[in-house]
Amino acid sequence: QVQLRDSGGGSVQTGGSLRLSCAATLDTTRNLVMGWFREQPGKKREGIAHIDTDGATAYADSVKGRFTISRDKDKNTLYLQMNDLIPEDTATYYCAAEPDIPTIATMRHLGLSAVDFASRGQGTQVTVSS
């Protein structure tokens, strides 16, 4: 059973930065993929960043080069560093985890993203003003 609690959202101006955190309760001996997805009003949910136990990552084109996902295994915490934020990044952000997917390669093979993961946090709001 994976429990997630995300935090760190807020309001910033264009060009600003935020770091989201996600505290996880999970079996640390198990390989799994964790990630972030976002939800914007009237738009389809978007899986934006993913990382597996070996540190392999995958990003959506919309955030590549601006966002960085990382994971502190000792603290069981997932992070999303967001730089060069733009108004289009305004959304509710959710961390997610999928214990049944061990690697990024498997996730890609299955055509899945964080949107499809079984466990998710409660969401944290990010607002970027122009």
Protein backbone atom coordinates (compact mmCIF):
# COMPACT_ATOMS: atom_id res chain seq x y z
CA GLN A 1 0.00 0.00 0.00
CA VAL A 2 1.50 3.33 -1.08
CA GLN A 3 0.40 6.54 0.60
CA LEU A 4 1.43 9.88 -0.82
CA ARG A 5 1.22 13.42 0.49
CA ASP A 6 2.22 16.21 -1.86
CA SER A 7 3.01 19.83 -0.99
CA GLY A 8 4.93 22.89 -2.10
CA GLY A 9 2.53 24.58 -4.47
CA GLY A 10 1.98 28.31 -4.52
CA SER A 11 1.73 31.41 -6.65
CA VAL A 12 4.64 32.80 -8.65
CA GLN A 13 5.23 35.12 -11.55
CA THR A 14 6.37 34.06 -15.00
CA GLY A 15 9.98 32.94 -14.86
CA GLY A 16 9.79 31.96 -11.22
CA SER A 17 10.53 28.62 -9.60
CA LEU A 18 8.84 26.23 -7.20
CA ARG A 19 9.76 22.88 -5.73
CA LEU A 20 7.05 20.35 -5.06
CA SER A 21 7.56 17.57 -2.55
CA CYS A 22 5.81 14.27 -2.08
CA ALA A 23 6.23 12.27 1.13
CA ALA A 24 5.69 8.59 0.45
CA THR A 25 4.93 5.62 2.63
CA LEU A 26 6.00 2.61 0.65
CA ASP A 27 7.96 -0.60 0.60
CA THR A 28 11.51 0.65 0.01
CA THR A 29 12.67 -2.79 -1.16
CA ARG A 30 10.36 -2.70 -4.12
CA ASN A 31 11.23 -1.24 -7.51
CA LEU A 32 8.55 1.09 -8.73
CA VAL A 33 7.99 4.15 -10.85
CA MET A 34 6.90 7.42 -9.30
CA GLY A 35 5.88 10.57 -11.07
CA TRP A 36 3.88 13.76 -11.29
CA PHE A 37 0.86 14.63 -13.34
CA ARG A 38 -1.12 17.84 -13.56
CA GLU A 39 -4.72 18.74 -14.06
CA GLN A 40 -5.92 21.94 -15.67
CA PRO A 41 -9.57 23.00 -16.01
CA GLY A 42 -11.00 21.85 -19.31
CA LYS A 43 -7.88 19.93 -20.28
CA LYS A 44 -6.84 16.30 -20.25
CA ARG A 45 -4.66 15.22 -17.36
CA GLU A 46 -0.99 15.23 -18.32
CA GLY A 47 1.75 13.00 -16.97
CA ILE A 48 4.77 15.28 -16.90
CA ALA A 49 7.67 13.66 -15.05
CA HIS A 50 8.61 10.13 -13.99
CA ILE A 51 11.47 8.41 -12.22
CA ASP A 52 12.23 4.80 -11.36
CA THR A 53 14.28 3.23 -8.59
CA ASP A 54 17.43 3.23 -10.73
CA GLY A 55 17.10 6.94 -11.42
CA ALA A 56 15.92 6.74 -15.02
CA THR A 57 13.60 9.63 -15.88
CA ALA A 58 11.02 10.55 -18.48
CA TYR A 59 9.47 13.95 -19.14
CA ALA A 60 6.65 15.35 -21.20
CA ASP A 61 7.79 17.68 -23.97
CA SER A 62 5.88 20.52 -22.33
CA VAL A 63 8.21 20.56 -19.31
CA LYS A 64 11.44 19.08 -20.65
CA GLY A 65 14.41 21.29 -19.84
CA ARG A 66 12.48 23.29 -17.24
CA PHE A 67 11.33 20.68 -14.69
CA THR A 68 13.49 18.13 -12.88
CA ILE A 69 12.21 15.12 -11.00
CA SER A 70 14.27 13.57 -8.23
CA ARG A 71 13.87 11.10 -5.44
CA ASP A 72 15.48 10.87 -2.01
CA LYS A 73 15.25 7.20 -1.13
CA ASP A 74 16.44 7.73 2.45
CA LYS A 75 13.66 10.22 3.11
CA ASN A 76 11.11 8.43 0.92
CA THR A 77 10.43 11.75 -0.74
CA LEU A 78 9.83 12.65 -4.36
CA TYR A 79 10.54 16.14 -5.67
CA LEU A 80 9.69 18.21 -8.70
CA GLN A 81 11.87 21.26 -9.26
CA MET A 82 10.04 23.63 -11.58
CA ASN A 83 12.00 26.47 -13.19
CA ASP A 84 11.12 29.06 -15.82
CA LEU A 85 7.45 28.73 -14.99
CA ILE A 86 4.90 30.10 -17.44
CA PRO A 87 1.15 30.75 -17.06
CA GLU A 88 0.45 27.54 -19.01
CA ASP A 89 1.93 25.62 -16.07
CA THR A 90 -0.93 26.74 -13.84
CA ALA A 91 -2.56 23.54 -12.63
CA THR A 92 -3.14 21.21 -9.73
CA TYR A 93 -0.14 18.91 -9.45
CA TYR A 94 -0.34 15.37 -8.12
CA CYS A 95 2.41 12.94 -7.25
CA ALA A 96 1.69 9.34 -8.11
CA ALA A 97 3.23 5.89 -7.74
CA GLU A 98 2.71 2.54 -9.40
CA PRO A 99 4.16 -0.47 -7.54
CA ASP A 100 3.27 -2.79 -10.44
CA ILE A 101 5.55 -0.94 -12.88
CA PRO A 102 9.23 -1.43 -11.93
CA THR A 103 10.99 0.70 -14.55
CA ILE A 104 10.60 3.62 -16.93
CA ALA A 105 11.18 1.21 -19.81
CA THR A 106 8.22 -0.91 -18.68
CA MET A 107 6.06 2.18 -18.30
CA ARG A 108 6.86 3.26 -21.85
CA HIS A 109 6.29 -0.23 -23.20
CA LEU A 110 2.82 -0.23 -21.64
CA GLY A 111 2.08 3.25 -22.96
CA LEU A 112 1.29 4.56 -19.50
CA SER A 113 2.11 7.65 -17.49
CA ALA A 114 1.63 9.00 -13.98
CA VAL A 115 -1.98 9.70 -14.89
CA ASP A 116 -2.58 5.93 -14.87
CA PHE A 117 -0.79 5.11 -11.61
CA ALA A 118 -2.75 3.45 -8.81
CA SER A 119 -1.70 5.70 -5.93
CA ARG A 120 -1.78 9.50 -5.91
CA GLY A 121 -1.49 12.40 -3.50
CA GLN A 122 -4.19 14.91 -2.72
CA GLY A 123 -2.82 17.52 -5.12
CA THR A 124 -1.15 20.90 -4.70
CA GLN A 125 -2.07 24.04 -6.61
CA VAL A 126 0.46 25.94 -8.70
CA THR A 127 -0.51 29.33 -10.12
CA VAL A 128 1.73 31.27 -12.47
CA SER A 129 0.82 34.86 -13.27
CA SER A 130 2.04 36.87 -16.23
